[in-house]
């Protein structure tokens, strides 16, 4: 009898642990809401076949992704900015999300194993072969390792659930340059925690493999940050970009440039092209007055 109750206790403990450590979620767990301003995810993205991924790596949550299992791309990744020198990781293997595969024995992102069977992975997420012959696109990370500091945080950005197909010239000449600008700005003037949400709008184009639609190609990439605790002596040329600011750009290689704008204006733009009328990236638009009213 004692053995029975010990077994039951072990089972209940295992179930409780599993519930707490769940990574692919319909509703975000408390530990993963830490990456969201006021612990609240963006509103107004009513899309089919989407799931929250609490991106765990080396036993810790690193950031949050809203992922489309139909289009095999992230809709956005939300993370906290870490002051860094901008160094990038080298020799980090690309990873996948085991909980989106047909069988898994872990709830953390894992490197693609050698000789993996496609069907174990590809139904609900992108795989490496999807990008092999996509000569017009390369892998672009929504949460870039340049915005992280610790090696594990940087390494966690190299999962295909954080990747969208981007035009190489756009990625290298335009988008990465803006990531660098934002990193320097937040390094210099953000004194507290900065929350960043980077996402896409879909174009209707798909990368195909073996006569199947595999990966949605973004039309626009967009990004917004919120830093409530910033240096109020910031030069005017940068001062108006706090506590929040945003930018977006067309995923093309010609006649393209970054558009910098306020968070409310970015939201209005996205409402016309992608999101519904209730779309909001940050609770209260990261507005200090709005924050005071809600406190």
C-alpha atoms as a PDB file:
ATOM      1  CA  UNK A   1       0.000   0.000   0.000  1.00  0.00           C
ATOM      2  CA  UNK A   2       2.819   2.352   0.903  1.00  0.00           C
ATOM      3  CA  UNK A   3       4.483   1.592  -2.439  1.00  0.00           C
ATOM      4  CA  UNK A   4       1.234   2.480  -4.212  1.00  0.00           C
ATOM      5  CA  UNK A   5       1.012   5.891  -2.569  1.00  0.00           C
ATOM      6  CA  UNK A   6       4.693   6.552  -3.213  1.00  0.00           C
ATOM      7  CA  UNK A   7       4.099   5.796  -6.888  1.00  0.00           C
ATOM      8  CA  UNK A   8       1.048   8.059  -6.938  1.00  0.00           C
ATOM      9  CA  UNK A   9       3.019  10.825  -5.258  1.00  0.00           C
ATOM     10  CA  UNK A  10       5.776  10.479  -7.842  1.00  0.00           C
ATOM     11  CA  UNK A  11       3.221  10.573 -10.674  1.00  0.00           C
ATOM     12  CA  UNK A  12       1.527  13.694  -9.331  1.00  0.00           C
ATOM     13  CA  UNK A  13       4.887  15.391  -8.864  1.00  0.00           C
ATOM     14  CA  UNK A  14       5.816  14.525 -12.427  1.00  0.00           C
ATOM     15  CA  UNK A  15       2.537  15.888 -13.774  1.00  0.00           C
ATOM     16  CA  UNK A  16       2.918  19.070 -11.752  1.00  0.00           C
ATOM     17  CA  UNK A  17       6.485  19.527 -12.967  1.00  0.00           C
ATOM     18  CA  UNK A  18       5.386  18.932 -16.542  1.00  0.00           C
ATOM     19  CA  UNK A  19       2.604  21.512 -16.245  1.00  0.00           C
ATOM     20  CA  UNK A  20       4.949  24.119 -14.842  1.00  0.00           C
ATOM     21  CA  UNK A  21       7.665  23.375 -17.374  1.00  0.00           C
ATOM     22  CA  UNK A  22       5.388  23.366 -20.416  1.00  0.00           C
ATOM     23  CA  UNK A  23       6.981  25.203 -23.340  1.00  0.00           C
ATOM     24  CA  UNK A  24       4.418  25.179 -26.149  1.00  0.00           C
ATOM     25  CA  UNK A  25       1.364  26.793 -24.643  1.00  0.00           C
ATOM     26  CA  UNK A  26      -2.096  28.102 -25.430  1.00  0.00           C
ATOM     27  CA  UNK A  27      -1.785  30.555 -22.559  1.00  0.00           C
ATOM     28  CA  UNK A  28       1.568  31.923 -21.485  1.00  0.00           C
ATOM     29  CA  UNK A  29       2.972  30.689 -18.199  1.00  0.00           C
ATOM     30  CA  UNK A  30       4.069  33.251 -15.574  1.00  0.00           C
ATOM     31  CA  UNK A  31       7.775  32.567 -16.114  1.00  0.00           C
ATOM     32  CA  UNK A  32       7.491  33.466 -19.780  1.00  0.00           C
ATOM     33  CA  UNK A  33       5.414  36.584 -19.238  1.00  0.00           C
ATOM     34  CA  UNK A  34       8.584  38.115 -17.767  1.00  0.00           C
ATOM     35  CA  UNK A  35       9.659  38.942 -21.336  1.00  0.00           C
ATOM     36  CA  UNK A  36       6.544  41.032 -21.978  1.00  0.00           C
ATOM     37  CA  UNK A  37       5.882  44.611 -20.904  1.00  0.00           C
ATOM     38  CA  UNK A  38       3.418  44.476 -17.995  1.00  0.00           C
ATOM     39  CA  UNK A  39       3.462  40.706 -18.562  1.00  0.00           C
ATOM     40  CA  UNK A  40       0.975  41.162 -21.419  1.00  0.00           C
ATOM     41  CA  UNK A  41       1.436  39.820 -24.977  1.00  0.00           C
ATOM     42  CA  UNK A  42       0.491  41.875 -28.037  1.00  0.00           C
ATOM     43  CA  UNK A  43      -3.248  41.985 -28.667  1.00  0.00           C
ATOM     44  CA  UNK A  44      -5.247  41.811 -31.875  1.00  0.00           C
ATOM     45  CA  UNK A  45      -3.533  39.034 -33.795  1.00  0.00           C
ATOM     46  CA  UNK A  46      -6.383  36.624 -34.468  1.00  0.00           C
ATOM     47  CA  UNK A  47      -4.608  34.170 -36.737  1.00  0.00           C
ATOM     48  CA  UNK A  48      -5.240  30.469 -37.405  1.00  0.00           C
ATOM     49  CA  UNK A  49      -2.901  27.747 -36.168  1.00  0.00           C
ATOM     50  CA  UNK A  50      -0.759  29.818 -33.828  1.00  0.00           C
ATOM     51  CA  UNK A  51       0.920  28.736 -30.613  1.00  0.00           C
ATOM     52  CA  UNK A  52       3.014  30.425 -27.975  1.00  0.00           C
ATOM     53  CA  UNK A  53       6.483  28.967 -27.608  1.00  0.00           C
ATOM     54  CA  UNK A  54       8.273  29.709 -24.382  1.00  0.00           C
ATOM     55  CA  UNK A  55      11.777  29.388 -25.779  1.00  0.00           C
ATOM     56  CA  UNK A  56      13.722  27.328 -23.268  1.00  0.00           C
ATOM     57  CA  UNK A  57      17.430  26.647 -23.614  1.00  0.00           C
ATOM     58  CA  UNK A  58      19.754  25.063 -21.074  1.00  0.00           C
ATOM     59  CA  UNK A  59      16.982  24.859 -18.435  1.00  0.00           C
ATOM     60  CA  UNK A  60      15.991  28.532 -18.545  1.00  0.00           C
ATOM     61  CA  UNK A  61      13.331  30.530 -20.413  1.00  0.00           C
ATOM     62  CA  UNK A  62      14.989  32.924 -22.877  1.00  0.00           C
ATOM     63  CA  UNK A  63      12.128  34.660 -24.756  1.00  0.00           C
ATOM     64  CA  UNK A  64       8.636  34.143 -26.189  1.00  0.00           C
ATOM     65  CA  UNK A  65       7.558  33.434 -29.750  1.00  0.00           C
ATOM     66  CA  UNK A  66       4.101  33.413 -31.309  1.00  0.00           C
ATOM     67  CA  UNK A  67       4.465  30.730 -33.963  1.00  0.00           C
ATOM     68  CA  UNK A  68       2.342  29.723 -36.950  1.00  0.00           C
ATOM     69  CA  UNK A  69       2.274  25.951 -37.325  1.00  0.00           C
ATOM     70  CA  UNK A  70       0.516  26.414 -40.653  1.00  0.00           C
ATOM     71  CA  UNK A  71       3.012  28.805 -42.270  1.00  0.00           C
ATOM     72  CA  UNK A  72       6.044  27.466 -40.345  1.00  0.00           C
ATOM     73  CA  UNK A  73       7.265  30.924 -39.326  1.00  0.00           C
ATOM     74  CA  UNK A  74       7.154  33.036 -36.180  1.00  0.00           C
ATOM     75  CA  UNK A  75       4.618  35.871 -36.190  1.00  0.00           C
ATOM     76  CA  UNK A  76       6.741  37.655 -33.609  1.00  0.00           C
ATOM     77  CA  UNK A  77       9.377  37.068 -30.974  1.00  0.00           C
ATOM     78  CA  UNK A  78       9.238  39.064 -27.739  1.00  0.00           C
ATOM     79  CA  UNK A  79      12.341  39.427 -25.601  1.00  0.00           C
ATOM     80  CA  UNK A  80      14.153  41.628 -23.121  1.00  0.00           C
ATOM     81  CA  UNK A  81      17.162  43.511 -24.422  1.00  0.00           C
ATOM     82  CA  UNK A  82      20.515  42.803 -22.771  1.00  0.00           C
ATOM     83  CA  UNK A  83      23.284  45.415 -22.890  1.00  0.00           C
ATOM     84  CA  UNK A  84      25.959  43.914 -25.098  1.00  0.00           C
ATOM     85  CA  UNK A  85      28.943  44.629 -27.315  1.00  0.00           C
ATOM     86  CA  UNK A  86      27.142  43.181 -30.320  1.00  0.00           C
ATOM     87  CA  UNK A  87      29.320  40.103 -30.703  1.00  0.00           C
ATOM     88  CA  UNK A  88      27.620  37.242 -32.517  1.00  0.00           C
ATOM     89  CA  UNK A  89      27.821  33.537 -31.779  1.00  0.00           C
ATOM     90  CA  UNK A  90      29.854  31.231 -33.963  1.00  0.00           C
ATOM     91  CA  UNK A  91      29.468  27.512 -34.530  1.00  0.00           C
ATOM     92  CA  UNK A  92      26.013  27.353 -32.946  1.00  0.00           C
ATOM     93  CA  UNK A  93      23.909  24.562 -34.483  1.00  0.00           C
ATOM     94  CA  UNK A  94      20.446  25.395 -35.756  1.00  0.00           C
ATOM     95  CA  UNK A  95      17.751  24.020 -33.474  1.00  0.00           C
ATOM     96  CA  UNK A  96      14.101  22.973 -33.593  1.00  0.00           C
ATOM     97  CA  UNK A  97      11.207  22.822 -31.105  1.00  0.00           C
ATOM     98  CA  UNK A  98      10.668  19.187 -29.998  1.00  0.00           C
ATOM     99  CA  UNK A  99       7.139  19.875 -28.742  1.00  0.00           C
ATOM    100  CA  UNK A 100       6.044  20.713 -32.283  1.00  0.00           C
ATOM    101  CA  UNK A 101       7.291  17.344 -33.544  1.00  0.00           C
ATOM    102  CA  UNK A 102       5.264  14.142 -33.584  1.00  0.00           C
ATOM    103  CA  UNK A 103       7.349  12.646 -30.792  1.00  0.00           C
ATOM    104  CA  UNK A 104       9.552  14.293 -28.180  1.00  0.00           C
ATOM    105  CA  UNK A 105      11.214  13.484 -24.897  1.00  0.00           C
ATOM    106  CA  UNK A 106      12.244  16.989 -23.888  1.00  0.00           C
ATOM    107  CA  UNK A 107      10.634  20.407 -23.643  1.00  0.00           C
ATOM    108  CA  UNK A 108      13.717  22.411 -24.637  1.00  0.00           C
ATOM    109  CA  UNK A 109      14.919  23.423 -28.092  1.00  0.00           C
ATOM    110  CA  UNK A 110      17.345  20.882 -29.542  1.00  0.00           C
ATOM    111  CA  UNK A 111      19.873  20.770 -32.395  1.00  0.00           C
ATOM    112  CA  UNK A 112      18.623  18.903 -35.443  1.00  0.00           C
ATOM    113  CA  UNK A 113      19.980  15.351 -35.082  1.00  0.00           C
ATOM    114  CA  UNK A 114      21.931  13.780 -37.887  1.00  0.00           C
ATOM    115  CA  UNK A 115      19.835  11.637 -40.143  1.00  0.00           C
ATOM    116  CA  UNK A 116      16.557  12.853 -38.662  1.00  0.00           C
ATOM    117  CA  UNK A 117      13.344  11.672 -40.257  1.00  0.00           C
ATOM    118  CA  UNK A 118      11.576  14.641 -41.826  1.00  0.00           C
ATOM    119  CA  UNK A 119       8.095  13.574 -40.837  1.00  0.00           C
ATOM    120  CA  UNK A 120       9.026  13.711 -37.167  1.00  0.00           C
ATOM    121  CA  UNK A 121       9.517  17.454 -37.468  1.00  0.00           C
ATOM    122  CA  UNK A 122       8.108  19.056 -40.562  1.00  0.00           C
ATOM    123  CA  UNK A 123       4.333  18.925 -40.092  1.00  0.00           C
ATOM    124  CA  UNK A 124       4.231  21.893 -37.721  1.00  0.00           C
ATOM    125  CA  UNK A 125       7.572  23.681 -38.155  1.00  0.00           C
ATOM    126  CA  UNK A 126      10.306  24.533 -40.610  1.00  0.00           C
ATOM    127  CA  UNK A 127      13.279  22.235 -41.098  1.00  0.00           C
ATOM    128  CA  UNK A 128      16.741  22.905 -42.501  1.00  0.00           C
ATOM    129  CA  UNK A 129      15.885  21.425 -45.902  1.00  0.00           C
ATOM    130  CA  UNK A 130      13.229  24.091 -46.393  1.00  0.00           C
ATOM    131  CA  UNK A 131      15.976  26.711 -46.698  1.00  0.00           C
ATOM    132  CA  UNK A 132      18.513  24.616 -48.636  1.00  0.00           C
ATOM    133  CA  UNK A 133      17.262  25.495 -52.113  1.00  0.00           C
ATOM    134  CA  UNK A 134      15.625  28.827 -51.255  1.00  0.00           C
ATOM    135  CA  UNK A 135      18.267  30.742 -53.215  1.00  0.00           C
ATOM    136  CA  UNK A 136      16.434  34.093 -53.006  1.00  0.00           C
ATOM    137  CA  UNK A 137      16.195  34.030 -49.212  1.00  0.00           C
ATOM    138  CA  UNK A 138      18.286  33.422 -46.129  1.00  0.00           C
ATOM    139  CA  UNK A 139      17.480  32.794 -42.484  1.00  0.00           C
ATOM    140  CA  UNK A 140      16.779  35.954 -40.506  1.00  0.00           C
ATOM    141  CA  UNK A 141      16.288  35.897 -36.725  1.00  0.00           C
ATOM    142  CA  UNK A 142      13.571  38.026 -35.124  1.00  0.00           C
ATOM    143  CA  UNK A 143      15.334  37.966 -31.760  1.00  0.00           C
ATOM    144  CA  UNK A 144      18.935  38.617 -32.879  1.00  0.00           C
ATOM    145  CA  UNK A 145      21.888  37.388 -30.869  1.00  0.00           C
ATOM    146  CA  UNK A 146      23.297  40.938 -31.108  1.00  0.00           C
ATOM    147  CA  UNK A 147      20.624  42.024 -28.617  1.00  0.00           C
ATOM    148  CA  UNK A 148      21.667  39.398 -26.062  1.00  0.00           C
ATOM    149  CA  UNK A 149      24.718  39.184 -23.841  1.00  0.00           C
ATOM    150  CA  UNK A 150      25.154  35.765 -22.228  1.00  0.00           C
ATOM    151  CA  UNK A 151      26.232  32.900 -24.463  1.00  0.00           C
ATOM    152  CA  UNK A 152      23.150  30.802 -23.681  1.00  0.00           C
ATOM    153  CA  UNK A 153      20.846  33.726 -24.490  1.00  0.00           C
ATOM    154  CA  UNK A 154      22.666  34.250 -27.769  1.00  0.00           C
ATOM    155  CA  UNK A 155      22.626  30.546 -28.626  1.00  0.00           C
ATOM    156  CA  UNK A 156      18.871  30.354 -27.982  1.00  0.00           C
ATOM    157  CA  UNK A 157      18.198  32.691 -30.913  1.00  0.00           C
ATOM    158  CA  UNK A 158      19.416  30.017 -33.345  1.00  0.00           C
ATOM    159  CA  UNK A 159      16.207  28.041 -33.530  1.00  0.00           C
ATOM    160  CA  UNK A 160      14.122  27.870 -36.688  1.00  0.00           C
ATOM    161  CA  UNK A 161      11.084  28.863 -34.644  1.00  0.00           C
ATOM    162  CA  UNK A 162      12.761  32.307 -34.361  1.00  0.00           C
ATOM    163  CA  UNK A 163      13.586  32.490 -38.079  1.00  0.00           C
ATOM    164  CA  UNK A 164      11.866  33.936 -41.147  1.00  0.00           C
ATOM    165  CA  UNK A 165      13.047  33.944 -44.775  1.00  0.00           C
ATOM    166  CA  UNK A 166      14.542  37.329 -45.670  1.00  0.00           C
ATOM    167  CA  UNK A 167      16.100  38.744 -48.817  1.00  0.00           C
ATOM    168  CA  UNK A 168      19.903  38.663 -48.248  1.00  0.00           C
ATOM    169  CA  UNK A 169      20.552  42.247 -49.362  1.00  0.00           C
ATOM    170  CA  UNK A 170      17.723  43.530 -47.183  1.00  0.00           C
ATOM    171  CA  UNK A 171      18.919  41.517 -44.202  1.00  0.00           C
ATOM    172  CA  UNK A 172      22.582  42.498 -44.411  1.00  0.00           C
ATOM    173  CA  UNK A 173      22.342  46.054 -45.696  1.00  0.00           C
ATOM    174  CA  UNK A 174      19.195  47.328 -43.982  1.00  0.00           C
ATOM    175  CA  UNK A 175      17.743  45.223 -41.178  1.00  0.00           C
ATOM    176  CA  UNK A 176      20.943  44.247 -39.374  1.00  0.00           C
ATOM    177  CA  UNK A 177      22.130  47.847 -39.554  1.00  0.00           C
ATOM    178  CA  UNK A 178      18.962  48.940 -37.757  1.00  0.00           C
ATOM    179  CA  UNK A 179      19.392  46.208 -35.134  1.00  0.00           C
ATOM    180  CA  UNK A 180      22.848  47.685 -34.510  1.00  0.00           C
ATOM    181  CA  UNK A 181      21.428  51.217 -34.201  1.00  0.00           C
ATOM    182  CA  UNK A 182      18.804  50.072 -31.679  1.00  0.00           C
ATOM    183  CA  UNK A 183      21.424  48.167 -29.686  1.00  0.00           C
ATOM    184  CA  UNK A 184      23.644  51.256 -29.398  1.00  0.00           C
ATOM    185  CA  UNK A 185      20.683  53.470 -28.471  1.00  0.00           C
ATOM    186  CA  UNK A 186      19.461  51.166 -25.724  1.00  0.00           C
ATOM    187  CA  UNK A 187      23.000  50.527 -24.498  1.00  0.00           C
ATOM    188  CA  UNK A 188      23.598  54.256 -24.142  1.00  0.00           C
ATOM    189  CA  UNK A 189      20.291  55.591 -22.836  1.00  0.00           C
ATOM    190  CA  UNK A 190      18.091  52.814 -21.456  1.00  0.00           C
ATOM    191  CA  UNK A 191      18.745  52.514 -17.729  1.00  0.00           C
ATOM    192  CA  UNK A 192      16.231  49.798 -16.915  1.00  0.00           C
ATOM    193  CA  UNK A 193      14.679  46.850 -18.679  1.00  0.00           C
ATOM    194  CA  UNK A 194      13.845  47.230 -22.367  1.00  0.00           C
ATOM    195  CA  UNK A 195      11.147  45.064 -23.911  1.00  0.00           C
ATOM    196  CA  UNK A 196      11.331  44.381 -27.650  1.00  0.00           C
ATOM    197  CA  UNK A 197       8.783  42.768 -29.949  1.00  0.00           C
ATOM    198  CA  UNK A 198       9.869  41.985 -33.515  1.00  0.00           C
ATOM    199  CA  UNK A 199       7.469  40.508 -36.027  1.00  0.00           C
ATOM    200  CA  UNK A 200       6.324  40.160 -39.602  1.00  0.00           C
ATOM    201  CA  UNK A 201       3.436  40.644 -41.951  1.00  0.00           C
ATOM    202  CA  UNK A 202       2.792  37.934 -44.511  1.00  0.00           C
ATOM    203  CA  UNK A 203       2.999  38.498 -48.263  1.00  0.00           C
ATOM    204  CA  UNK A 204       1.111  35.472 -49.559  1.00  0.00           C
ATOM    205  CA  UNK A 205       4.319  34.104 -51.083  1.00  0.00           C
ATOM    206  CA  UNK A 206       5.534  30.691 -49.969  1.00  0.00           C
ATOM    207  CA  UNK A 207       8.818  28.842 -50.217  1.00  0.00           C
ATOM    208  CA  UNK A 208       8.058  25.444 -51.726  1.00  0.00           C
ATOM    209  CA  UNK A 209       9.848  22.130 -51.300  1.00  0.00           C
ATOM    210  CA  UNK A 210       8.907  18.935 -53.093  1.00  0.00           C
ATOM    211  CA  UNK A 211       5.848  20.661 -54.584  1.00  0.00           C
ATOM    212  CA  UNK A 212       4.522  21.664 -51.174  1.00  0.00           C
ATOM    213  CA  UNK A 213       4.084  25.096 -49.641  1.00  0.00           C
ATOM    214  CA  UNK A 214       6.485  25.122 -46.729  1.00  0.00           C
ATOM    215  CA  UNK A 215       7.394  28.581 -45.406  1.00  0.00           C
ATOM    216  CA  UNK A 216       5.563  31.910 -45.600  1.00  0.00           C
ATOM    217  CA  UNK A 217       7.702  34.772 -46.890  1.00  0.00           C
ATOM    218  CA  UNK A 218       7.270  38.023 -44.935  1.00  0.00           C
ATOM    219  CA  UNK A 219       6.158  41.158 -46.711  1.00  0.00           C
ATOM    220  CA  UNK A 220       7.302  43.507 -43.939  1.00  0.00           C
ATOM    221  CA  UNK A 221       9.466  43.094 -40.879  1.00  0.00           C
ATOM    222  CA  UNK A 222       8.685  45.375 -37.942  1.00  0.00           C
ATOM    223  CA  UNK A 223      10.059  45.969 -34.467  1.00  0.00           C
ATOM    224  CA  UNK A 224       9.202  48.073 -31.403  1.00  0.00           C
ATOM    225  CA  UNK A 225      10.829  48.633 -28.037  1.00  0.00           C
ATOM    226  CA  UNK A 226       9.669  49.936 -24.662  1.00  0.00           C
ATOM    227  CA  UNK A 227      12.086  51.297 -22.030  1.00  0.00           C
ATOM    228  CA  UNK A 228      10.333  53.182 -19.239  1.00  0.00           C
ATOM    229  CA  UNK A 229      13.493  53.876 -17.230  1.00  0.00           C
ATOM    230  CA  UNK A 230      15.760  55.905 -19.497  1.00  0.00           C
ATOM    231  CA  UNK A 231      18.271  58.752 -19.235  1.00  0.00           C
ATOM    232  CA  UNK A 232      16.283  62.002 -19.326  1.00  0.00           C
ATOM    233  CA  UNK A 233      19.445  63.876 -20.322  1.00  0.00           C
ATOM    234  CA  UNK A 234      19.544  61.993 -23.588  1.00  0.00           C
ATOM    235  CA  UNK A 235      20.352  64.322 -26.543  1.00  0.00           C
ATOM    236  CA  UNK A 236      17.239  65.603 -28.305  1.00  0.00           C
ATOM    237  CA  UNK A 237      18.078  63.688 -31.487  1.00  0.00           C
ATOM    238  CA  UNK A 238      17.524  60.517 -29.451  1.00  0.00           C
ATOM    239  CA  UNK A 239      15.336  61.792 -26.618  1.00  0.00           C
ATOM    240  CA  UNK A 240      12.071  61.668 -28.577  1.00  0.00           C
ATOM    241  CA  UNK A 241      12.689  57.971 -29.234  1.00  0.00           C
ATOM    242  CA  UNK A 242      11.957  57.181 -25.579  1.00  0.00           C
ATOM    243  CA  UNK A 243      10.280  55.555 -23.787  1.00  0.00           C
ATOM    244  CA  UNK A 244       9.247  53.734 -26.948  1.00  0.00           C
ATOM    245  CA  UNK A 245       9.947  53.753 -30.648  1.00  0.00           C
ATOM    246  CA  UNK A 246       9.529  51.477 -33.640  1.00  0.00           C
ATOM    247  CA  UNK A 247      10.595  50.762 -37.199  1.00  0.00           C
ATOM    248  CA  UNK A 248       9.607  48.630 -40.162  1.00  0.00           C
ATOM    249  CA  UNK A 249      10.829  47.824 -43.669  1.00  0.00           C
ATOM    250  CA  UNK A 250       9.827  45.953 -46.797  1.00  0.00           C
ATOM    251  CA  UNK A 251      11.485  42.566 -47.274  1.00  0.00           C
ATOM    252  CA  UNK A 252      12.916  43.368 -50.707  1.00  0.00           C
ATOM    253  CA  UNK A 253      16.345  44.068 -52.144  1.00  0.00           C
ATOM    254  CA  UNK A 254      15.617  47.245 -54.116  1.00  0.00           C
ATOM    255  CA  UNK A 255      14.192  50.708 -53.356  1.00  0.00           C
ATOM    256  CA  UNK A 256      14.050  49.876 -49.693  1.00  0.00           C
ATOM    257  CA  UNK A 257      14.790  51.713 -46.477  1.00  0.00           C
ATOM    258  CA  UNK A 258      13.954  51.613 -42.786  1.00  0.00           C
ATOM    259  CA  UNK A 259      10.932  53.630 -41.694  1.00  0.00           C
ATOM    260  CA  UNK A 260      11.305  54.827 -38.104  1.00  0.00           C
ATOM    261  CA  UNK A 261       8.093  55.813 -36.378  1.00  0.00           C
ATOM    262  CA  UNK A 262       6.222  55.885 -33.084  1.00  0.00           C
ATOM    263  CA  UNK A 263       4.646  52.738 -31.697  1.00  0.00           C
ATOM    264  CA  UNK A 264       1.056  54.018 -32.218  1.00  0.00           C
ATOM    265  CA  UNK A 265       1.837  54.852 -35.870  1.00  0.00           C
ATOM    266  CA  UNK A 266       3.360  51.419 -36.428  1.00  0.00           C
ATOM    267  CA  UNK A 267       0.221  49.875 -34.988  1.00  0.00           C
ATOM    268  CA  UNK A 268      -1.983  51.912 -37.324  1.00  0.00           C
ATOM    269  CA  UNK A 269       0.121  50.771 -40.263  1.00  0.00           C
ATOM    270  CA  UNK A 270      -0.142  47.129 -39.237  1.00  0.00           C
ATOM    271  CA  UNK A 271      -3.895  47.394 -38.699  1.00  0.00           C
ATOM    272  CA  UNK A 272      -4.213  48.285 -42.375  1.00  0.00           C
ATOM    273  CA  UNK A 273      -2.057  45.425 -43.576  1.00  0.00           C
ATOM    274  CA  UNK A 274      -2.072  42.577 -41.070  1.00  0.00           C
ATOM    275  CA  UNK A 275      -3.668  42.934 -37.631  1.00  0.00           C
ATOM    276  CA  UNK A 276      -7.196  43.699 -36.481  1.00  0.00           C
ATOM    277  CA  UNK A 277      -8.482  47.019 -35.127  1.00  0.00           C
ATOM    278  CA  UNK A 278      -7.603  46.086 -31.533  1.00  0.00           C
ATOM    279  CA  UNK A 279      -3.937  45.458 -32.272  1.00  0.00           C
ATOM    280  CA  UNK A 280      -1.629  46.719 -29.527  1.00  0.00           C
ATOM    281  CA  UNK A 281       2.035  45.802 -29.110  1.00  0.00           C
ATOM    282  CA  UNK A 282       2.584  47.095 -25.566  1.00  0.00           C
ATOM    283  CA  UNK A 283      -0.004  47.480 -22.829  1.00  0.00           C
ATOM    284  CA  UNK A 284      -0.983  51.168 -22.760  1.00  0.00           C
ATOM    285  CA  UNK A 285       1.382  51.741 -25.711  1.00  0.00           C
ATOM    286  CA  UNK A 286       4.275  51.983 -23.238  1.00  0.00           C
ATOM    287  CA  UNK A 287       2.941  55.408 -22.305  1.00  0.00           C
ATOM    288  CA  UNK A 288       3.923  56.708 -18.833  1.00  0.00           C
ATOM    289  CA  UNK A 289       0.604  58.542 -18.410  1.00  0.00           C
ATOM    290  CA  UNK A 290      -1.333  55.436 -19.363  1.00  0.00           C
ATOM    291  CA  UNK A 291       0.774  53.453 -16.911  1.00  0.00           C
ATOM    292  CA  UNK A 292      -0.023  55.908 -14.110  1.00  0.00           C
ATOM    293  CA  UNK A 293      -3.754  55.652 -14.772  1.00  0.00           C
ATOM    294  CA  UNK A 294      -3.664  51.869 -14.602  1.00  0.00           C
ATOM    295  CA  UNK A 295      -1.618  51.699 -11.383  1.00  0.00           C
END
